Amino acid sequence: MAVTTKTSARRGPYAKGVARRAEILDVALQLYGASSGDRPTLAAIAAQVGLTEAGVLHYFGSMDELFVAILEARDIHAVDAGALTDPEHVWAYLAQTTRTPGLTKLFVDMSVAAADPNHPAHAFMERHRRRVYEVVRTGLGIDDEQAVRLAVAAAEGLQLRWVQDHSTDIAGDLEALARILTSVR
């Protein structure tokens, strides 16, 4: 009699599951992009993709992991939409953030949550910040490390300020700061 053993090796993701996850992210990005700042509900996302709320979370594990995946997808779309090594594209992207208040608020919320090293947003924010530092260096021509940190901190602070007061000119204020930082060298 032959004995069979079950292996405990994890199977990789199936193409259908990867496609479904991408569909959920596309819908979530659209809903967050169209949001006036309030978070779209999980029920709204689920309804748009024809799943239950539990079905959506099956692809992400938790709401926080879904939120992080939405922000990661937003970053990928930003890179795909234009060369973030060109100052004009950088300023256009920053101006775009004010036309997607739901995504900007989600970013601010997850920035705060990322203070907890055990939160799913923590590792994402570290990766995101490294990418933003590179955009500031290459796209805006700021190469002094302290100036880069100050520019990124100002960007994050202006986004928080904008969530509180939509008259805040994120792109305009950052462009003025970049001029100051590059002229001080």
N, C-alpha and C. Protein backbone atom coordinates (compact mmCIF):
# COMPACT_ATOMS: atom_id res chain seq x y z
N MET A 1 0.84 -1.16 0.00
CA MET A 1 0.00 0.00 0.00
C MET A 1 0.90 1.23 0.00
N ALA A 2 0.62 2.15 -0.90
CA ALA A 2 1.42 3.37 -1.01
C ALA A 2 0.95 4.37 0.03
N VAL A 3 1.89 5.05 0.57
CA VAL A 3 1.58 6.07 1.56
C VAL A 3 1.79 7.43 0.90
N THR A 4 0.81 8.27 1.01
CA THR A 4 0.96 9.62 0.47
C THR A 4 1.08 10.58 1.63
N THR A 5 1.85 11.59 1.42
CA THR A 5 2.01 12.61 2.46
C THR A 5 1.56 13.94 1.91
N LYS A 6 0.98 14.71 2.75
CA LYS A 6 0.59 16.06 2.37
C LYS A 6 1.75 16.99 2.67
N THR A 7 2.03 17.84 1.75
CA THR A 7 3.08 18.83 2.02
C THR A 7 2.42 20.08 2.56
N SER A 8 3.16 20.78 3.35
CA SER A 8 2.61 22.02 3.93
C SER A 8 3.13 23.24 3.19
N ALA A 9 3.68 23.02 2.01
CA ALA A 9 4.18 24.16 1.24
C ALA A 9 3.01 25.05 0.83
N ARG A 10 3.21 26.33 0.93
CA ARG A 10 2.17 27.29 0.54
C ARG A 10 2.10 27.38 -0.97
N ARG A 11 0.90 27.44 -1.44
CA ARG A 11 0.71 27.65 -2.87
C ARG A 11 0.79 29.14 -3.15
N GLY A 12 1.25 29.45 -4.31
CA GLY A 12 1.33 30.84 -4.72
C GLY A 12 -0.04 31.36 -5.13
N PRO A 13 -0.12 32.63 -5.40
CA PRO A 13 -1.40 33.20 -5.79
C PRO A 13 -1.81 32.72 -7.19
N TYR A 14 -3.09 32.52 -7.36
CA TYR A 14 -3.63 32.13 -8.65
C TYR A 14 -3.93 33.39 -9.45
N ALA A 15 -3.84 33.28 -10.76
CA ALA A 15 -4.06 34.42 -11.65
C ALA A 15 -5.44 35.04 -11.42
N LYS A 16 -6.45 34.20 -11.21
CA LYS A 16 -7.80 34.71 -11.00
C LYS A 16 -7.87 35.55 -9.71
N GLY A 17 -7.22 35.08 -8.67
CA GLY A 17 -7.20 35.82 -7.41
C GLY A 17 -6.43 37.13 -7.52
N VAL A 18 -5.32 37.10 -8.25
CA VAL A 18 -4.53 38.32 -8.47
C VAL A 18 -5.35 39.33 -9.25
N ALA A 19 -6.07 38.86 -10.27
CA ALA A 19 -6.91 39.75 -11.07
C ALA A 19 -8.05 40.32 -10.23
N ARG A 20 -8.64 39.50 -9.38
CA ARG A 20 -9.75 39.97 -8.54
C ARG A 20 -9.25 41.02 -7.55
N ARG A 21 -8.09 40.79 -6.97
CA ARG A 21 -7.50 41.76 -6.05
C ARG A 21 -7.25 43.08 -6.77
N ALA A 22 -6.72 43.01 -7.99
CA ALA A 22 -6.46 44.23 -8.78
C ALA A 22 -7.77 44.96 -9.07
N GLU A 23 -8.83 44.20 -9.38
CA GLU A 23 -10.13 44.81 -9.63
C GLU A 23 -10.64 45.54 -8.39
N ILE A 24 -10.50 44.91 -7.25
CA ILE A 24 -10.94 45.54 -5.99
C ILE A 24 -10.16 46.82 -5.75
N LEU A 25 -8.85 46.79 -5.98
CA LEU A 25 -8.03 47.99 -5.79
C LEU A 25 -8.42 49.10 -6.76
N ASP A 26 -8.69 48.74 -8.01
CA ASP A 26 -9.12 49.76 -8.98
C ASP A 26 -10.41 50.43 -8.53
N VAL A 27 -11.37 49.62 -8.08
CA VAL A 27 -12.65 50.17 -7.61
C VAL A 27 -12.42 51.04 -6.37
N ALA A 28 -11.62 50.55 -5.43
CA ALA A 28 -11.35 51.32 -4.21
C ALA A 28 -10.67 52.65 -4.54
N LEU A 29 -9.71 52.63 -5.47
CA LEU A 29 -9.05 53.87 -5.89
C LEU A 29 -10.06 54.84 -6.50
N GLN A 30 -10.95 54.33 -7.34
CA GLN A 30 -11.96 55.19 -7.95
C GLN A 30 -12.87 55.80 -6.88
N LEU A 31 -13.31 54.97 -5.94
CA LEU A 31 -14.20 55.47 -4.88
C LEU A 31 -13.50 56.48 -3.98
N TYR A 32 -12.25 56.18 -3.61
CA TYR A 32 -11.50 57.13 -2.79
C TYR A 32 -11.20 58.40 -3.57
N GLY A 33 -10.90 58.26 -4.85
CA GLY A 33 -10.61 59.42 -5.69
C GLY A 33 -11.80 60.33 -5.86
N ALA A 34 -12.99 59.75 -5.87
CA ALA A 34 -14.22 60.52 -6.03
C ALA A 34 -14.78 61.02 -4.69
N SER A 35 -14.22 60.51 -3.59
CA SER A 35 -14.73 60.86 -2.27
C SER A 35 -14.38 62.30 -1.91
N SER A 36 -15.28 62.93 -1.18
CA SER A 36 -15.04 64.31 -0.74
C SER A 36 -14.19 64.36 0.52
N GLY A 37 -13.69 63.24 0.94
CA GLY A 37 -12.86 63.19 2.14
C GLY A 37 -13.32 62.13 3.11
N ASP A 38 -14.58 61.74 2.99
CA ASP A 38 -15.08 60.65 3.83
C ASP A 38 -14.61 59.34 3.22
N ARG A 39 -14.33 58.40 4.07
CA ARG A 39 -13.89 57.09 3.60
C ARG A 39 -15.05 56.35 2.96
N PRO A 40 -14.86 55.83 1.74
CA PRO A 40 -15.90 54.96 1.19
C PRO A 40 -16.04 53.74 2.09
N THR A 41 -17.23 53.25 2.22
CA THR A 41 -17.44 52.10 3.10
C THR A 41 -16.96 50.82 2.42
N LEU A 42 -16.64 49.85 3.24
CA LEU A 42 -16.29 48.54 2.73
C LEU A 42 -17.47 47.97 1.95
N ALA A 43 -18.68 48.25 2.43
CA ALA A 43 -19.88 47.79 1.74
C ALA A 43 -19.96 48.37 0.32
N ALA A 44 -19.60 49.63 0.15
CA ALA A 44 -19.63 50.27 -1.17
C ALA A 44 -18.62 49.63 -2.10
N ILE A 45 -17.42 49.36 -1.58
CA ILE A 45 -16.39 48.71 -2.40
C ILE A 45 -16.86 47.32 -2.79
N ALA A 46 -17.38 46.58 -1.81
CA ALA A 46 -17.84 45.21 -2.06
C ALA A 46 -18.96 45.20 -3.11
N ALA A 47 -19.90 46.11 -2.98
CA ALA A 47 -21.03 46.16 -3.92
C ALA A 47 -20.55 46.42 -5.35
N GLN A 48 -19.56 47.29 -5.50
CA GLN A 48 -19.05 47.63 -6.83
C GLN A 48 -18.37 46.44 -7.52
N VAL A 49 -17.80 45.54 -6.73
CA VAL A 49 -17.10 44.38 -7.32
C VAL A 49 -17.91 43.10 -7.21
N GLY A 50 -19.11 43.20 -6.66
CA GLY A 50 -19.98 42.03 -6.58
C GLY A 50 -19.55 41.00 -5.55
N LEU A 51 -18.99 41.47 -4.46
CA LEU A 51 -18.59 40.58 -3.37
C LEU A 51 -19.24 41.03 -2.08
N THR A 52 -19.16 40.19 -1.07
CA THR A 52 -19.54 40.59 0.28
C THR A 52 -18.36 41.33 0.89
N GLU A 53 -18.58 41.98 2.01
CA GLU A 53 -17.47 42.64 2.71
C GLU A 53 -16.42 41.62 3.10
N ALA A 54 -16.85 40.46 3.60
CA ALA A 54 -15.89 39.40 3.95
C ALA A 54 -15.13 38.93 2.72
N GLY A 55 -15.81 38.90 1.58
CA GLY A 55 -15.16 38.50 0.34
C GLY A 55 -14.04 39.46 -0.05
N VAL A 56 -14.27 40.75 0.13
CA VAL A 56 -13.23 41.74 -0.16
C VAL A 56 -12.05 41.55 0.79
N LEU A 57 -12.35 41.40 2.07
CA LEU A 57 -11.27 41.26 3.06
C LEU A 57 -10.49 39.96 2.87
N HIS A 58 -11.11 38.96 2.26
CA HIS A 58 -10.40 37.71 1.96
C HIS A 58 -9.14 37.99 1.14
N TYR A 59 -9.21 38.98 0.27
CA TYR A 59 -8.08 39.30 -0.61
C TYR A 59 -7.03 40.18 0.06
N PHE A 60 -7.35 40.73 1.23
CA PHE A 60 -6.42 41.66 1.88
C PHE A 60 -6.09 41.31 3.33
N GLY A 61 -6.92 40.57 3.99
CA GLY A 61 -6.65 40.17 5.36
C GLY A 61 -7.29 41.06 6.41
N SER A 62 -7.28 42.37 6.18
CA SER A 62 -7.89 43.30 7.14
C SER A 62 -8.16 44.63 6.43
N MET A 63 -8.94 45.46 7.06
CA MET A 63 -9.20 46.79 6.51
C MET A 63 -7.91 47.58 6.39
N ASP A 64 -7.07 47.51 7.42
CA ASP A 64 -5.81 48.27 7.37
C ASP A 64 -4.92 47.80 6.22
N GLU A 65 -4.90 46.50 5.96
CA GLU A 65 -4.11 46.00 4.84
C GLU A 65 -4.73 46.44 3.51
N LEU A 66 -6.04 46.53 3.45
CA LEU A 66 -6.70 47.08 2.26
C LEU A 66 -6.30 48.54 2.07
N PHE A 67 -6.34 49.32 3.15
CA PHE A 67 -5.96 50.73 3.07
C PHE A 67 -4.53 50.89 2.55
N VAL A 68 -3.61 50.09 3.06
CA VAL A 68 -2.22 50.15 2.62
C VAL A 68 -2.12 49.78 1.14
N ALA A 69 -2.84 48.76 0.73
CA ALA A 69 -2.83 48.34 -0.68
C ALA A 69 -3.37 49.46 -1.58
N ILE A 70 -4.37 50.18 -1.12
CA ILE A 70 -4.91 51.31 -1.89
C ILE A 70 -3.83 52.37 -2.06
N LEU A 71 -3.11 52.68 -0.98
CA LEU A 71 -2.05 53.69 -1.08
C LEU A 71 -0.90 53.21 -1.97
N GLU A 72 -0.57 51.92 -1.88
CA GLU A 72 0.47 51.39 -2.76
C GLU A 72 0.04 51.51 -4.22
N ALA A 73 -1.22 51.19 -4.50
CA ALA A 73 -1.73 51.31 -5.87
C ALA A 73 -1.71 52.77 -6.33
N ARG A 74 -2.04 53.68 -5.43
CA ARG A 74 -2.00 55.11 -5.75
C ARG A 74 -0.58 55.51 -6.15
N ASP A 75 0.42 55.04 -5.41
CA ASP A 75 1.81 55.37 -5.73
C ASP A 75 2.21 54.81 -7.08
N ILE A 76 1.80 53.59 -7.38
CA ILE A 76 2.12 52.98 -8.68
C ILE A 76 1.48 53.79 -9.80
N HIS A 77 0.23 54.20 -9.61
CA HIS A 77 -0.44 55.01 -10.63
C HIS A 77 0.27 56.35 -10.82
N ALA A 78 0.78 56.93 -9.73
CA ALA A 78 1.49 58.21 -9.83
C ALA A 78 2.74 58.07 -10.68
N VAL A 79 3.47 56.99 -10.50
CA VAL A 79 4.67 56.75 -11.29
C VAL A 79 4.29 56.50 -12.75
N ASP A 80 3.25 55.70 -12.96
CA ASP A 80 2.82 55.38 -14.32
C ASP A 80 2.30 56.62 -15.05
N ALA A 81 1.72 57.57 -14.33
CA ALA A 81 1.09 58.73 -14.95
C ALA A 81 2.09 59.77 -15.45
N GLY A 82 3.29 59.78 -14.94
CA GLY A 82 4.25 60.78 -15.38
C GLY A 82 5.59 60.61 -14.73
N ALA A 83 6.56 61.19 -15.35
CA ALA A 83 7.93 61.08 -14.85
C ALA A 83 8.09 61.96 -13.61
N LEU A 84 8.22 61.33 -12.48
CA LEU A 84 8.39 62.09 -11.24
C LEU A 84 9.84 62.55 -11.08
N THR A 85 10.59 62.51 -12.17
CA THR A 85 11.95 63.07 -12.18
C THR A 85 11.92 64.46 -12.81
N ASP A 86 10.77 64.89 -13.27
CA ASP A 86 10.58 66.19 -13.91
C ASP A 86 9.78 67.08 -12.95
N PRO A 87 10.32 68.26 -12.60
CA PRO A 87 9.60 69.12 -11.64
C PRO A 87 8.16 69.42 -12.04
N GLU A 88 7.90 69.61 -13.33
CA GLU A 88 6.52 69.90 -13.76
C GLU A 88 5.57 68.76 -13.40
N HIS A 89 6.03 67.53 -13.55
CA HIS A 89 5.20 66.37 -13.20
C HIS A 89 5.03 66.27 -11.67
N VAL A 90 6.07 66.61 -10.94
CA VAL A 90 5.98 66.57 -9.48
C VAL A 90 4.93 67.57 -9.00
N TRP A 91 4.99 68.81 -9.52
CA TRP A 91 4.02 69.82 -9.09
C TRP A 91 2.61 69.44 -9.53
N ALA A 92 2.48 68.87 -10.72
CA ALA A 92 1.16 68.43 -11.20
C ALA A 92 0.61 67.32 -10.30
N TYR A 93 1.47 66.40 -9.90
CA TYR A 93 1.02 65.33 -9.01
C TYR A 93 0.56 65.89 -7.66
N LEU A 94 1.34 66.81 -7.11
CA LEU A 94 0.96 67.41 -5.83
C LEU A 94 -0.36 68.17 -5.94
N ALA A 95 -0.55 68.87 -7.04
CA ALA A 95 -1.82 69.57 -7.25
C ALA A 95 -2.96 68.57 -7.36
N GLN A 96 -2.69 67.42 -7.98
CA GLN A 96 -3.71 66.38 -8.14
C GLN A 96 -4.20 65.87 -6.78
N THR A 97 -3.33 65.87 -5.77
CA THR A 97 -3.75 65.35 -4.46
C THR A 97 -4.93 66.13 -3.90
N THR A 98 -5.05 67.40 -4.28
CA THR A 98 -6.18 68.19 -3.77
C THR A 98 -7.47 67.89 -4.53
N ARG A 99 -7.36 67.17 -5.63
CA ARG A 99 -8.56 66.77 -6.38
C ARG A 99 -9.02 65.36 -6.00
N THR A 100 -8.29 64.73 -5.10
CA THR A 100 -8.66 63.40 -4.59
C THR A 100 -8.61 63.43 -3.06
N PRO A 101 -9.52 64.18 -2.45
CA PRO A 101 -9.46 64.36 -1.00
C PRO A 101 -9.55 63.06 -0.20
N GLY A 102 -10.30 62.09 -0.72
CA GLY A 102 -10.41 60.83 0.00
C GLY A 102 -9.06 60.13 0.11
N LEU A 103 -8.30 60.14 -0.98
CA LEU A 103 -6.97 59.51 -0.95
C LEU A 103 -6.00 60.29 -0.07
N THR A 104 -6.09 61.62 -0.11
CA THR A 104 -5.21 62.44 0.73
C THR A 104 -5.52 62.19 2.20
N LYS A 105 -6.80 62.14 2.55
CA LYS A 105 -7.16 61.87 3.95
C LYS A 105 -6.72 60.47 4.36
N LEU A 106 -6.89 59.49 3.46
CA LEU A 106 -6.43 58.14 3.78
C LEU A 106 -4.93 58.13 4.04
N PHE A 107 -4.17 58.85 3.22
CA PHE A 107 -2.72 58.92 3.41
C PHE A 107 -2.39 59.53 4.78
N VAL A 108 -3.05 60.61 5.13
CA VAL A 108 -2.81 61.25 6.43
C VAL A 108 -3.18 60.29 7.56
N ASP A 109 -4.33 59.64 7.45
CA ASP A 109 -4.75 58.69 8.49
C ASP A 109 -3.74 57.55 8.65
N MET A 110 -3.28 57.01 7.54
CA MET A 110 -2.33 55.89 7.60
C MET A 110 -0.94 56.37 8.04
N SER A 111 -0.61 57.62 7.79
CA SER A 111 0.66 58.18 8.29
C SER A 111 0.66 58.18 9.82
N VAL A 112 -0.46 58.55 10.39
CA VAL A 112 -0.58 58.55 11.85
C VAL A 112 -0.54 57.11 12.38
N ALA A 113 -1.28 56.23 11.75
CA ALA A 113 -1.32 54.82 12.18
C ALA A 113 0.06 54.18 12.08
N ALA A 114 0.87 54.63 11.13
CA ALA A 114 2.19 54.04 10.90
C ALA A 114 3.17 54.30 12.04
N ALA A 115 2.80 55.16 12.98
CA ALA A 115 3.66 55.38 14.14
C ALA A 115 3.81 54.10 14.96
N ASP A 116 2.84 53.20 14.86
CA ASP A 116 2.90 51.90 15.53
C ASP A 116 3.69 50.95 14.63
N PRO A 117 4.86 50.49 15.07
CA PRO A 117 5.67 49.62 14.20
C PRO A 117 4.99 48.30 13.85
N ASN A 118 3.94 47.93 14.57
CA ASN A 118 3.22 46.69 14.26
C ASN A 118 2.06 46.89 13.30
N HIS A 119 1.77 48.12 12.96
CA HIS A 119 0.66 48.41 12.06
C HIS A 119 1.09 48.14 10.61
N PRO A 120 0.17 47.61 9.78
CA PRO A 120 0.53 47.34 8.37
C PRO A 120 1.02 48.57 7.61
N ALA A 121 0.62 49.77 8.03
CA ALA A 121 1.04 50.98 7.33
C ALA A 121 2.49 51.35 7.64
N HIS A 122 3.05 50.82 8.70
CA HIS A 122 4.40 51.21 9.11
C HIS A 122 5.43 50.91 8.01
N ALA A 123 5.47 49.69 7.54
CA ALA A 123 6.45 49.32 6.52
C ALA A 123 6.17 50.05 5.21
N PHE A 124 4.89 50.21 4.86
CA PHE A 124 4.55 50.95 3.64
C PHE A 124 5.08 52.38 3.72
N MET A 125 4.84 53.05 4.84
CA MET A 125 5.27 54.45 4.97
C MET A 125 6.79 54.58 4.89
N GLU A 126 7.51 53.61 5.40
CA GLU A 126 8.98 53.64 5.27
C GLU A 126 9.37 53.55 3.80
N ARG A 127 8.77 52.63 3.06
CA ARG A 127 9.06 52.50 1.62
C ARG A 127 8.64 53.75 0.86
N HIS A 128 7.46 54.24 1.18
CA HIS A 128 6.94 55.43 0.52
C HIS A 128 7.88 56.62 0.75
N ARG A 129 8.30 56.80 1.97
CA ARG A 129 9.17 57.93 2.30
C ARG A 129 10.49 57.85 1.54
N ARG A 130 11.06 56.65 1.42
CA ARG A 130 12.31 56.51 0.65
C ARG A 130 12.08 56.90 -0.81
N ARG A 131 10.94 56.49 -1.37
CA ARG A 131 10.63 56.86 -2.76
C ARG A 131 10.44 58.37 -2.89
N VAL A 132 9.77 58.97 -1.93
CA VAL A 132 9.54 60.42 -1.97
C VAL A 132 10.87 61.16 -1.83
N TYR A 133 11.75 60.68 -0.98
CA TYR A 133 13.07 61.31 -0.87
C TYR A 133 13.76 61.31 -2.23
N GLU A 134 13.65 60.20 -2.96
CA GLU A 134 14.28 60.11 -4.27
C GLU A 134 13.63 61.09 -5.25
N VAL A 135 12.31 61.23 -5.18
CA VAL A 135 11.61 62.19 -6.05
C VAL A 135 12.08 63.61 -5.74
N VAL A 136 12.23 63.93 -4.48
CA VAL A 136 12.68 65.27 -4.09
C VAL A 136 14.10 65.51 -4.61
N ARG A 137 14.96 64.49 -4.47
CA ARG A 137 16.34 64.64 -4.95
C ARG A 137 16.40 64.79 -6.47
N THR A 138 15.77 63.87 -7.18
CA THR A 138 15.90 63.86 -8.64
C THR A 138 14.91 64.80 -9.33
N GLY A 139 13.69 64.84 -8.85
CA GLY A 139 12.66 65.64 -9.52
C GLY A 139 12.73 67.11 -9.19
N LEU A 140 13.19 67.43 -7.99
CA LEU A 140 13.23 68.83 -7.58
C LEU A 140 14.65 69.36 -7.46
N GLY A 141 15.62 68.50 -7.62
CA GLY A 141 17.01 68.95 -7.59
C GLY A 141 17.50 69.39 -6.22
N ILE A 142 16.91 68.84 -5.17
CA ILE A 142 17.36 69.15 -3.80
C ILE A 142 18.21 67.97 -3.36
N ASP A 143 19.50 68.23 -3.13
CA ASP A 143 20.37 67.09 -2.84
C ASP A 143 20.90 67.07 -1.40
N ASP A 144 20.75 68.14 -0.67
CA ASP A 144 21.18 68.16 0.73
C ASP A 144 20.19 67.32 1.55
N GLU A 145 20.71 66.35 2.30
CA GLU A 145 19.83 65.42 3.03
C GLU A 145 18.90 66.12 4.02
N GLN A 146 19.40 67.12 4.72
CA GLN A 146 18.53 67.84 5.65
C GLN A 146 17.43 68.58 4.89
N ALA A 147 17.78 69.19 3.78
CA ALA A 147 16.79 69.90 2.97
C ALA A 147 15.74 68.92 2.43
N VAL A 148 16.16 67.73 2.04
CA VAL A 148 15.23 66.70 1.56
C VAL A 148 14.25 66.35 2.68
N ARG A 149 14.79 66.08 3.87
CA ARG A 149 13.92 65.75 5.01
C ARG A 149 12.93 66.88 5.31
N LEU A 150 13.41 68.12 5.26
CA LEU A 150 12.53 69.26 5.53
C LEU A 150 11.44 69.39 4.46
N ALA A 151 11.79 69.17 3.21
CA ALA A 151 10.80 69.25 2.13
C ALA A 151 9.74 68.17 2.29
N VAL A 152 10.16 66.95 2.63
CA VAL A 152 9.20 65.85 2.81
C VAL A 152 8.32 66.11 4.03
N ALA A 153 8.92 66.59 5.11
CA ALA A 153 8.14 66.90 6.31
C ALA A 153 7.12 68.01 6.01
N ALA A 154 7.55 68.99 5.24
CA ALA A 154 6.64 70.08 4.87
C ALA A 154 5.49 69.53 4.01
N ALA A 155 5.80 68.64 3.08
CA ALA A 155 4.75 68.05 2.23
C ALA A 155 3.73 67.30 3.08
N GLU A 156 4.23 66.51 4.01
CA GLU A 156 3.32 65.75 4.87
C GLU A 156 2.49 66.68 5.74
N GLY A 157 3.13 67.70 6.29
CA GLY A 157 2.41 68.67 7.13
C GLY A 157 1.38 69.47 6.35
N LEU A 158 1.72 69.84 5.13
CA LEU A 158 0.77 70.58 4.29
C LEU A 158 -0.42 69.72 3.90
N GLN A 159 -0.19 68.42 3.70
CA GLN A 159 -1.32 67.53 3.41
C GLN A 159 -2.26 67.45 4.62
N LEU A 160 -1.70 67.35 5.80
CA LEU A 160 -2.52 67.35 7.01
C LEU A 160 -3.28 68.68 7.12
N ARG A 161 -2.58 69.77 6.87
CA ARG A 161 -3.22 71.08 6.94
C ARG A 161 -4.34 71.18 5.91
N TRP A 162 -4.10 70.64 4.70
CA TRP A 162 -5.11 70.69 3.65
C TRP A 162 -6.36 69.90 4.04
N VAL A 163 -6.18 68.76 4.71
CA VAL A 163 -7.34 67.98 5.17
C VAL A 163 -8.19 68.84 6.08
N GLN A 164 -7.55 69.69 6.88
CA GLN A 164 -8.28 70.56 7.81
C GLN A 164 -8.81 71.81 7.13
N ASP A 165 -8.09 72.30 6.11
CA ASP A 165 -8.45 73.56 5.45
C ASP A 165 -8.11 73.44 3.96
N HIS A 166 -9.13 73.24 3.14
CA HIS A 166 -8.91 73.00 1.71
C HIS A 166 -8.37 74.21 0.95
N SER A 167 -8.26 75.35 1.60
CA SER A 167 -7.66 76.49 0.90
C SER A 167 -6.13 76.43 0.94
N THR A 168 -5.57 75.48 1.66
CA THR A 168 -4.11 75.30 1.71
C THR A 168 -3.61 74.93 0.32
N ASP A 169 -2.61 75.64 -0.16
CA ASP A 169 -2.03 75.40 -1.49
C ASP A 169 -0.80 74.52 -1.35
N ILE A 170 -1.02 73.20 -1.33
CA ILE A 170 0.08 72.25 -1.11
C ILE A 170 1.17 72.45 -2.15
N ALA A 171 0.82 72.39 -3.41
CA ALA A 171 1.83 72.49 -4.48
C ALA A 171 2.50 73.85 -4.47
N GLY A 172 1.72 74.91 -4.35
CA GLY A 172 2.29 76.26 -4.35
C GLY A 172 3.25 76.49 -3.19
N ASP A 173 2.84 76.07 -2.00
CA ASP A 173 3.70 76.25 -0.83
C ASP A 173 4.97 75.41 -0.94
N LEU A 174 4.85 74.19 -1.45
CA LEU A 174 6.05 73.34 -1.60
C LEU A 174 6.97 73.86 -2.69
N GLU A 175 6.39 74.41 -3.74
CA GLU A 175 7.23 74.98 -4.80
C GLU A 175 8.01 76.17 -4.25
N ALA A 176 7.37 77.00 -3.43
CA ALA A 176 8.06 78.12 -2.81
C ALA A 176 9.17 77.62 -1.89
N LEU A 177 8.89 76.59 -1.11
CA LEU A 177 9.90 76.03 -0.22
C LEU A 177 11.07 75.46 -1.02
N ALA A 178 10.78 74.78 -2.12
CA ALA A 178 11.86 74.21 -2.95
C ALA A 178 12.75 75.32 -3.50
N ARG A 179 12.15 76.43 -3.91
CA ARG A 179 12.95 77.57 -4.40
C ARG A 179 13.88 78.07 -3.30
N ILE A 180 13.34 78.18 -2.09
CA ILE A 180 14.14 78.65 -0.95
C ILE A 180 15.27 77.66 -0.66
N LEU A 181 14.92 76.37 -0.61
CA LEU A 181 15.93 75.36 -0.28
C LEU A 181 17.02 75.26 -1.33
N THR A 182 16.68 75.44 -2.60
CA THR A 182 17.71 75.34 -3.65
C THR A 182 18.52 76.62 -3.78
N SER A 183 17.97 77.75 -3.31
CA SER A 183 18.73 79.01 -3.41
C SER A 183 19.67 79.21 -2.23
N VAL A 184 19.46 78.48 -1.15
CA VAL A 184 20.27 78.63 0.06
C VAL A 184 21.61 77.93 -0.07
N ARG A 185 21.72 76.99 -0.98
CA ARG A 185 22.95 76.20 -1.11
C ARG A 185 24.12 77.04 -1.11
